[in-house]
């Protein structure tokens, strides 16, 4: 699921020209799925999240993935 969120954010970053938050996109995907325990989001789900919620700049995101 994070892989698809990173893919969606990466493609959108190229278009928008700013660094975006894959963590925010991941949270919107989980919101659509209705469960934080579900797995297997695909690119269709990422597109649905992007259309429904958009995305935000990484610096404006309340979410951060600890690496």
C-alpha atoms as a PDB file:
ATOM      1  CA  UNK A   1       0.000   0.000   0.000  1.00  0.00           C
ATOM      2  CA  UNK A   2       2.818   2.417   0.750  1.00  0.00           C
ATOM      3  CA  UNK A   3       4.378   1.433  -2.568  1.00  0.00           C
ATOM      4  CA  UNK A   4       1.287   2.568  -4.449  1.00  0.00           C
ATOM      5  CA  UNK A   5       1.093   5.758  -2.363  1.00  0.00           C
ATOM      6  CA  UNK A   6       4.721   6.553  -3.229  1.00  0.00           C
ATOM      7  CA  UNK A   7       4.034   5.820  -6.901  1.00  0.00           C
ATOM      8  CA  UNK A   8       1.006   8.127  -6.940  1.00  0.00           C
ATOM      9  CA  UNK A   9       2.827  10.896  -5.109  1.00  0.00           C
ATOM     10  CA  UNK A  10       5.850  10.516  -7.384  1.00  0.00           C
ATOM     11  CA  UNK A  11       3.817  10.877 -10.560  1.00  0.00           C
ATOM     12  CA  UNK A  12       1.935  13.853  -9.126  1.00  0.00           C
ATOM     13  CA  UNK A  13       5.206  15.466  -7.995  1.00  0.00           C
ATOM     14  CA  UNK A  14       6.471  15.356 -11.547  1.00  0.00           C
ATOM     15  CA  UNK A  15       3.320  17.128 -12.716  1.00  0.00           C
ATOM     16  CA  UNK A  16       3.071  19.643  -9.855  1.00  0.00           C
ATOM     17  CA  UNK A  17       6.765  20.390  -9.458  1.00  0.00           C
ATOM     18  CA  UNK A  18       6.744  20.141  -5.642  1.00  0.00           C
ATOM     19  CA  UNK A  19       7.540  17.370  -3.171  1.00  0.00           C
ATOM     20  CA  UNK A  20       4.278  15.737  -2.052  1.00  0.00           C
ATOM     21  CA  UNK A  21       3.362  13.605   0.950  1.00  0.00           C
ATOM     22  CA  UNK A  22       2.950   9.895   0.181  1.00  0.00           C
ATOM     23  CA  UNK A  23       2.008   9.439   3.850  1.00  0.00           C
ATOM     24  CA  UNK A  24      -1.016  11.714   3.379  1.00  0.00           C
ATOM     25  CA  UNK A  25      -1.988   9.844   0.227  1.00  0.00           C
ATOM     26  CA  UNK A  26      -1.626   6.532   2.103  1.00  0.00           C
ATOM     27  CA  UNK A  27      -3.983   7.812   4.816  1.00  0.00           C
ATOM     28  CA  UNK A  28      -6.578   8.800   2.198  1.00  0.00           C
ATOM     29  CA  UNK A  29      -6.318   5.349   0.578  1.00  0.00           C
ATOM     30  CA  UNK A  30      -6.978   3.743   3.960  1.00  0.00           C
ATOM     31  CA  UNK A  31      -9.918   6.094   4.480  1.00  0.00           C
ATOM     32  CA  UNK A  32     -11.459   4.927   1.206  1.00  0.00           C
ATOM     33  CA  UNK A  33     -10.808   1.278   2.026  1.00  0.00           C
ATOM     34  CA  UNK A  34     -12.389   1.768   5.438  1.00  0.00           C
ATOM     35  CA  UNK A  35      -9.678  -0.072   7.361  1.00  0.00           C
ATOM     36  CA  UNK A  36      -6.092   0.500   8.365  1.00  0.00           C
ATOM     37  CA  UNK A  37      -5.682  -3.277   8.527  1.00  0.00           C
ATOM     38  CA  UNK A  38      -6.469  -3.936   4.855  1.00  0.00           C
ATOM     39  CA  UNK A  39      -3.736  -4.560   2.292  1.00  0.00           C
ATOM     40  CA  UNK A  40      -3.451  -4.588  -1.451  1.00  0.00           C
ATOM     41  CA  UNK A  41      -4.211  -1.094  -2.707  1.00  0.00           C
ATOM     42  CA  UNK A  42      -3.673  -0.829  -6.439  1.00  0.00           C
ATOM     43  CA  UNK A  43      -3.113   2.071  -8.817  1.00  0.00           C
ATOM     44  CA  UNK A  44      -6.854   2.421  -9.358  1.00  0.00           C
ATOM     45  CA  UNK A  45      -7.273   3.058  -5.618  1.00  0.00           C
ATOM     46  CA  UNK A  46      -4.442   5.618  -5.683  1.00  0.00           C
ATOM     47  CA  UNK A  47      -6.104   7.440  -8.574  1.00  0.00           C
ATOM     48  CA  UNK A  48      -9.413   7.400  -6.711  1.00  0.00           C
ATOM     49  CA  UNK A  49      -7.733   8.917  -3.640  1.00  0.00           C
ATOM     50  CA  UNK A  50      -5.992  11.574  -5.727  1.00  0.00           C
ATOM     51  CA  UNK A  51      -9.233  12.556  -7.471  1.00  0.00           C
ATOM     52  CA  UNK A  52     -11.310  12.487  -4.270  1.00  0.00           C
ATOM     53  CA  UNK A  53      -8.863  14.151  -1.865  1.00  0.00           C
ATOM     54  CA  UNK A  54      -5.916  15.482  -3.834  1.00  0.00           C
ATOM     55  CA  UNK A  55      -2.602  15.581  -2.060  1.00  0.00           C
ATOM     56  CA  UNK A  56      -0.560  18.031  -0.025  1.00  0.00           C
ATOM     57  CA  UNK A  57       3.023  19.217   0.101  1.00  0.00           C
ATOM     58  CA  UNK A  58       5.332  17.074   2.206  1.00  0.00           C
ATOM     59  CA  UNK A  59       6.133  20.071   4.419  1.00  0.00           C
ATOM     60  CA  UNK A  60       2.410  20.622   5.161  1.00  0.00           C
ATOM     61  CA  UNK A  61       1.642  16.997   6.001  1.00  0.00           C
ATOM     62  CA  UNK A  62       0.653  16.007   9.552  1.00  0.00           C
ATOM     63  CA  UNK A  63       1.958  12.500   8.753  1.00  0.00           C
ATOM     64  CA  UNK A  64       5.556  11.325   8.665  1.00  0.00           C
ATOM     65  CA  UNK A  65       6.898   7.862   8.038  1.00  0.00           C
ATOM     66  CA  UNK A  66       9.800   7.014  10.295  1.00  0.00           C
ATOM     67  CA  UNK A  67      12.541   5.359   8.304  1.00  0.00           C
END
